[in-house]
Amino acid sequence: MISKEQKNEIQYEEKKTLRRRVMDYGIITAAAAIYAVAVSLFLDPNSLAPGGVTGIAIILNRLAGMETGTWMFVINIPILVIGMWKFGWKFILSTLYCTAVTSFFTNLLTPVGAVTADPLLAALVGATLMAVALGLVFKAGATTGGTDIIIKLLRLKFPHLKTGFLFLLTDAVIVTASAFVFQNLDTALYAGIVVFINSVLLDLVLYGRDGAKMFFIISDSPETIVSRLLEELDISATYISGKGAYSGLDKKVILCVVKKPLSPKLEEIVRQEDPTAFTIITSASEIYGEGYKNIFSQKL
């Protein structure tokens, strides 16, 4: 039998969760609009096809004629279906919403046309807006789908290949393809600038100048959290034995270090599995060992 106090507490937590989710989706909507501005007013009109699904959509728009925003959604559909099959619907739901809204805003703004005809300015402004939009999306616990999911799937099949290398490879292929489609090497080089600036700025928007993030997680569900870290993020963790000073209960403290792009996803996993978990996040400027730098060859 649930007491009145417990019932009120449950209702409070449910309302709190609902408010947080509404706020997250509001942020995703705003980010989608910003991303659409970058694509429709700066990149697409100047034939700049950066990496990812956006770049593919811009190329297909020239080859097949369908609107870029529509292509972005169509390309993402099979990717999202596979992602849902592999990673579950919770992982995909916010990504599906983000993809749909971004595609809608992109088509809505396309008739406005180019804000500037200078490809360098278009690359700089477009990349900056994309980085801000992606940063907001990631902080809201979502992703933009596309190559994020493809690379996640490739990592399952080829775990020896590094995530950064796979991103670089896919972006390079798309940018190179744009040179042949648009018959303009300069355009492809400007698209390369977009990829580089977006990568650097997104890093700064999300994490500042820190090298990596170190997490200390005290939870009542440590095994569940670690299981998802191993399966979904492909990172390891260490259990540290602890004891509550007030309760006197033994605790398993999760210690893990993650590269910056994975930090928001890790936070989302902890939030989903144990919203009451006590989590300490700190900066780790230098990390040596498997998956990071070799202390013998890279220590300066």
Protein backbone atom coordinates (compact mmCIF):
# COMPACT_ATOMS: atom_id res chain seq x y z
CA MET A 1 0.00 0.00 0.00
CA ILE A 2 1.46 3.33 -1.07
CA SER A 3 1.19 6.10 1.49
CA LYS A 4 -0.06 9.56 0.59
CA GLU A 5 3.44 11.01 1.04
CA GLN A 6 4.93 8.40 -1.31
CA LYS A 7 2.19 9.02 -3.85
CA ASN A 8 2.82 12.77 -3.74
CA GLU A 9 6.55 12.18 -4.14
CA ILE A 10 5.98 9.95 -7.17
CA GLN A 11 3.69 12.56 -8.74
CA TYR A 12 6.27 15.26 -8.07
CA GLU A 13 9.01 13.20 -9.75
CA GLU A 14 6.75 12.50 -12.72
CA LYS A 15 5.98 16.20 -13.15
CA LYS A 16 9.66 17.05 -12.80
CA THR A 17 10.57 14.50 -15.47
CA LEU A 18 7.83 15.81 -17.76
CA ARG A 19 9.03 19.43 -17.36
CA ARG A 20 12.61 18.39 -18.11
CA ARG A 21 11.51 16.46 -21.19
CA VAL A 22 9.40 19.38 -22.47
CA MET A 23 12.37 21.69 -21.96
CA ASP A 24 14.65 19.26 -23.81
CA TYR A 25 12.31 19.11 -26.77
CA GLY A 26 12.04 22.90 -26.78
CA ILE A 27 15.84 23.11 -26.98
CA ILE A 28 15.89 20.51 -29.76
CA THR A 29 13.30 22.52 -31.72
CA ALA A 30 15.33 25.73 -31.40
CA ALA A 31 18.51 23.87 -32.37
CA ALA A 32 16.77 22.38 -35.41
CA ALA A 33 15.79 25.88 -36.56
CA ILE A 34 19.38 27.12 -36.16
CA TYR A 35 20.70 24.10 -38.07
CA ALA A 36 18.18 24.73 -40.85
CA VAL A 37 19.33 28.35 -41.14
CA ALA A 38 22.91 27.13 -41.58
CA VAL A 39 21.92 24.70 -44.32
CA SER A 40 19.23 26.67 -46.19
CA LEU A 41 20.71 30.17 -46.08
CA PHE A 42 24.45 29.52 -46.16
CA LEU A 43 25.62 26.05 -47.17
CA ASP A 44 23.08 24.68 -49.66
CA PRO A 45 22.72 27.85 -51.81
CA ASN A 46 26.52 28.00 -52.16
CA SER A 47 26.79 24.29 -53.02
CA LEU A 48 28.79 23.52 -49.88
CA ALA A 49 28.25 19.87 -48.96
CA PRO A 50 29.83 19.14 -45.57
CA GLY A 51 30.09 15.62 -44.24
CA GLY A 52 27.23 13.57 -42.89
CA VAL A 53 23.68 13.15 -44.10
CA THR A 54 23.40 16.91 -44.73
CA GLY A 55 26.21 16.76 -47.29
CA ILE A 56 24.68 13.72 -48.98
CA ALA A 57 21.28 15.46 -49.09
CA ILE A 58 22.75 18.56 -50.73
CA ILE A 59 24.48 16.41 -53.37
CA LEU A 60 21.32 14.38 -54.07
CA ASN A 61 19.32 17.60 -54.35
CA ARG A 62 21.47 18.55 -57.36
CA LEU A 63 21.33 15.07 -58.86
CA ALA A 64 17.66 14.18 -58.30
CA GLY A 65 15.95 17.52 -57.67
CA MET A 66 14.01 16.72 -54.49
CA GLU A 67 14.32 19.33 -51.72
CA THR A 68 17.36 19.06 -49.46
CA GLY A 69 15.29 18.90 -46.26
CA THR A 70 13.22 16.06 -47.67
CA TRP A 71 16.36 14.17 -48.65
CA MET A 72 17.71 14.61 -45.13
CA PHE A 73 14.62 12.93 -43.72
CA VAL A 74 14.42 10.18 -46.35
CA ILE A 75 18.07 9.20 -45.90
CA ASN A 76 17.65 9.07 -42.14
CA ILE A 77 14.59 6.77 -42.17
CA PRO A 78 16.43 3.47 -42.83
CA ILE A 79 19.29 4.56 -40.56
CA LEU A 80 16.85 5.27 -37.72
CA VAL A 81 15.04 1.96 -38.25
CA ILE A 82 18.34 0.07 -37.99
CA GLY A 83 19.31 2.19 -34.98
CA MET A 84 16.01 1.39 -33.27
CA TRP A 85 16.56 -2.30 -33.89
CA LYS A 86 20.09 -2.21 -32.50
CA PHE A 87 19.83 0.36 -29.70
CA GLY A 88 16.16 0.55 -28.71
CA TRP A 89 13.37 3.08 -29.23
CA LYS A 90 14.39 5.34 -26.33
CA PHE A 91 17.68 6.09 -28.07
CA ILE A 92 15.91 6.91 -31.34
CA LEU A 93 12.76 8.81 -30.30
CA SER A 94 14.34 12.23 -29.70
CA THR A 95 16.61 11.71 -32.72
CA LEU A 96 13.59 11.03 -34.93
CA TYR A 97 11.93 14.22 -33.69
CA CYS A 98 15.10 16.23 -34.26
CA THR A 99 15.47 14.86 -37.80
CA ALA A 100 11.85 15.58 -38.71
CA VAL A 101 11.86 19.15 -37.36
CA THR A 102 15.23 19.94 -38.97
CA SER A 103 13.97 18.68 -42.34
CA PHE A 104 10.78 20.74 -42.00
CA PHE A 105 12.63 23.97 -41.16
CA THR A 106 15.18 23.36 -43.92
CA ASN A 107 12.46 23.10 -46.58
CA LEU A 108 10.62 26.06 -45.07
CA LEU A 109 13.66 28.34 -45.30
CA THR A 110 15.01 27.14 -48.66
CA PRO A 111 12.95 29.65 -50.75
CA VAL A 112 14.66 32.53 -48.89
CA GLY A 113 17.90 31.77 -50.72
CA ALA A 114 21.49 32.65 -49.97
CA VAL A 115 22.27 35.34 -47.42
CA THR A 116 25.76 35.72 -48.91
CA ALA A 117 27.31 34.63 -52.20
CA ASP A 118 30.81 34.60 -50.71
CA PRO A 119 31.65 30.89 -50.20
CA LEU A 120 34.20 31.60 -47.47
CA LEU A 121 31.73 33.65 -45.43
CA ALA A 122 29.05 31.01 -46.05
CA ALA A 123 31.43 28.31 -44.83
CA LEU A 124 32.42 30.23 -41.70
CA VAL A 125 28.90 31.27 -40.67
CA GLY A 126 27.30 27.97 -41.71
CA ALA A 127 29.82 25.90 -39.75
CA THR A 128 29.44 28.11 -36.68
CA LEU A 129 25.65 27.83 -36.69
CA MET A 130 25.84 24.06 -37.21
CA ALA A 131 28.21 23.70 -34.24
CA VAL A 132 25.91 25.71 -31.97
CA ALA A 133 22.87 23.72 -33.09
CA LEU A 134 24.57 20.34 -32.64
CA GLY A 135 25.88 21.38 -29.24
CA LEU A 136 22.34 22.21 -28.09
CA VAL A 137 20.99 18.93 -29.46
CA PHE A 138 23.64 16.85 -27.70
CA LYS A 139 23.11 18.69 -24.42
CA ALA A 140 19.39 17.95 -24.67
CA GLY A 141 20.23 14.24 -24.78
CA ALA A 142 19.49 13.71 -28.48
CA THR A 143 21.49 13.24 -31.67
CA THR A 144 20.96 14.29 -35.26
CA GLY A 145 20.99 10.69 -36.46
CA GLY A 146 22.72 10.07 -39.77
CA THR A 147 26.39 9.21 -39.64
CA ASP A 148 26.32 9.19 -35.81
CA ILE A 149 24.29 5.98 -35.95
CA ILE A 150 26.13 4.56 -38.98
CA ILE A 151 29.48 4.93 -37.24
CA LYS A 152 28.05 3.45 -34.06
CA LEU A 153 26.99 0.41 -36.10
CA LEU A 154 30.35 0.18 -37.85
CA ARG A 155 32.08 0.22 -34.48
CA LEU A 156 30.04 -2.83 -33.46
CA LYS A 157 31.27 -4.74 -36.51
CA PHE A 158 34.80 -3.30 -36.65
CA PRO A 159 35.72 -2.43 -33.03
CA HIS A 160 39.39 -2.05 -33.97
CA LEU A 161 38.60 1.05 -36.06
CA LYS A 162 38.63 4.33 -34.13
CA THR A 163 35.51 6.51 -34.07
CA GLY A 164 37.44 9.64 -35.09
CA PHE A 165 38.92 7.84 -38.08
CA LEU A 166 35.48 6.66 -39.23
CA PHE A 167 34.03 10.17 -38.99
CA LEU A 168 37.00 11.58 -40.91
CA LEU A 169 36.70 8.87 -43.56
CA THR A 170 32.97 9.36 -44.18
CA ASP A 171 33.28 13.15 -44.28
CA ALA A 172 36.24 12.94 -46.68
CA VAL A 173 34.29 10.67 -49.04
CA ILE A 174 31.26 13.01 -49.07
CA VAL A 175 33.34 16.16 -49.56
CA THR A 176 35.31 14.49 -52.37
CA ALA A 177 32.07 13.37 -54.04
CA SER A 178 30.82 16.97 -53.96
CA ALA A 179 33.84 18.04 -56.04
CA PHE A 180 32.76 15.70 -58.85
CA VAL A 181 29.04 16.50 -58.60
CA PHE A 182 29.51 20.29 -58.59
CA GLN A 183 32.52 20.13 -60.95
CA ASN A 184 34.33 22.59 -58.71
CA LEU A 185 37.35 21.78 -56.57
CA ASP A 186 37.14 25.13 -54.74
CA THR A 187 33.63 24.30 -53.57
CA ALA A 188 34.83 20.98 -52.13
CA LEU A 189 37.71 22.72 -50.34
CA TYR A 190 35.29 25.23 -48.79
CA ALA A 191 33.12 22.28 -47.70
CA GLY A 192 36.22 20.82 -46.06
CA ILE A 193 36.62 24.07 -44.15
CA VAL A 194 33.03 23.68 -42.91
CA VAL A 195 33.79 20.17 -41.63
CA PHE A 196 36.92 21.32 -39.82
CA ILE A 197 35.42 24.45 -38.24
CA ASN A 198 32.27 22.62 -37.21
CA SER A 199 34.34 19.93 -35.49
CA VAL A 200 36.49 22.42 -33.58
CA LEU A 201 33.64 24.72 -32.57
CA LEU A 202 31.34 21.86 -31.55
CA ASP A 203 34.09 20.67 -29.25
CA LEU A 204 34.30 24.13 -27.67
CA VAL A 205 30.53 24.57 -27.40
CA LEU A 206 30.09 21.24 -25.63
CA TYR A 207 33.16 20.97 -23.46
CA GLY A 208 35.28 24.11 -23.55
CA ARG A 209 38.99 23.39 -23.71
CA ASP A 210 39.09 20.31 -21.48
CA GLY A 211 40.72 17.19 -22.88
CA ALA A 212 38.26 14.64 -21.50
CA LYS A 213 35.76 14.06 -18.70
CA MET A 214 36.15 11.91 -15.62
CA PHE A 215 33.02 10.57 -13.93
CA PHE A 216 32.48 9.35 -10.38
CA ILE A 217 29.00 7.81 -10.18
CA ILE A 218 27.40 6.61 -6.94
CA SER A 219 24.20 4.77 -7.80
CA ASP A 220 21.92 2.03 -6.55
CA SER A 221 22.09 0.48 -10.05
CA PRO A 222 25.83 0.38 -10.82
CA GLU A 223 25.76 -2.89 -12.77
CA THR A 224 23.00 -1.68 -15.10
CA ILE A 225 24.80 1.58 -15.81
CA VAL A 226 28.15 -0.12 -16.46
CA SER A 227 26.46 -2.69 -18.72
CA ARG A 228 25.10 0.11 -20.91
CA LEU A 229 28.45 1.91 -20.94
CA LEU A 230 30.11 -1.24 -22.25
CA GLU A 231 27.41 -1.99 -24.81
CA GLU A 232 26.39 1.45 -26.10
CA LEU A 233 29.48 3.62 -25.66
CA ASP A 234 32.15 0.92 -25.94
CA ILE A 235 33.99 2.26 -22.90
CA SER A 236 35.13 0.50 -19.75
CA ALA A 237 34.79 1.49 -16.11
CA THR A 238 36.24 0.62 -12.72
CA TYR A 239 34.39 -0.17 -9.52
CA ILE A 240 35.74 1.52 -6.40
CA SER A 241 34.60 0.19 -3.05
CA GLY A 242 32.95 2.86 -0.91
CA LYS A 243 30.85 3.15 2.21
CA GLY A 244 28.17 5.68 3.04
CA ALA A 245 29.21 7.80 6.03
CA TYR A 246 25.61 8.28 7.18
CA SER A 247 23.98 5.01 6.10
CA GLY A 248 26.99 2.77 6.72
CA LEU A 249 26.04 0.81 3.58
CA ASP A 250 28.66 -0.54 1.18
CA LYS A 251 28.61 1.15 -2.21
CA LYS A 252 30.11 0.50 -5.64
CA VAL A 253 31.46 3.78 -7.03
CA ILE A 254 31.78 3.80 -10.82
CA LEU A 255 34.93 5.51 -12.12
CA CYS A 256 35.25 6.10 -15.85
CA VAL A 257 36.95 8.50 -18.20
CA VAL A 258 35.40 9.35 -21.57
CA LYS A 259 36.42 11.37 -24.56
CA LYS A 260 34.45 14.57 -24.81
CA PRO A 261 31.94 13.64 -27.54
CA LEU A 262 30.65 10.76 -25.41
CA SER A 263 30.09 12.80 -22.26
CA PRO A 264 26.47 13.89 -22.97
CA LYS A 265 25.50 10.32 -23.89
CA LEU A 266 27.01 9.00 -20.66
CA GLU A 267 25.09 11.60 -18.66
CA GLU A 268 21.88 10.56 -20.43
CA ILE A 269 22.46 6.89 -19.57
CA VAL A 270 22.93 7.73 -15.88
CA ARG A 271 19.84 9.97 -15.94
CA GLN A 272 17.73 7.19 -17.51
CA GLU A 273 18.91 4.40 -15.21
CA ASP A 274 19.09 6.32 -11.92
CA PRO A 275 17.90 9.96 -11.85
CA THR A 276 18.94 10.18 -8.17
CA ALA A 277 22.53 9.03 -8.78
CA PHE A 278 25.21 11.18 -7.17
CA THR A 279 27.52 12.09 -10.03
CA ILE A 280 30.76 14.05 -10.00
CA ILE A 281 32.10 15.23 -13.37
CA THR A 282 35.55 16.72 -13.59
CA SER A 283 38.08 17.55 -16.29
CA ALA A 284 40.88 15.19 -17.27
CA SER A 285 43.48 17.07 -19.25
CA GLU A 286 45.86 14.16 -19.81
CA ILE A 287 44.97 10.48 -20.08
CA TYR A 288 47.41 7.67 -20.81
CA GLY A 289 46.56 4.06 -21.50
CA GLU A 290 44.48 1.93 -23.87
CA GLY A 291 42.34 4.06 -26.16
CA TYR A 292 44.24 7.23 -25.27
CA LYS A 293 47.87 8.34 -25.42
CA ASN A 294 50.89 6.12 -24.93
CA ILE A 295 52.80 7.45 -21.94
CA PHE A 296 56.11 6.31 -23.41
CA SER A 297 55.76 7.78 -26.89
CA GLN A 298 53.50 10.81 -26.37
CA LYS A 299 54.50 12.25 -23.01
CA LEU A 300 56.01 15.68 -23.63
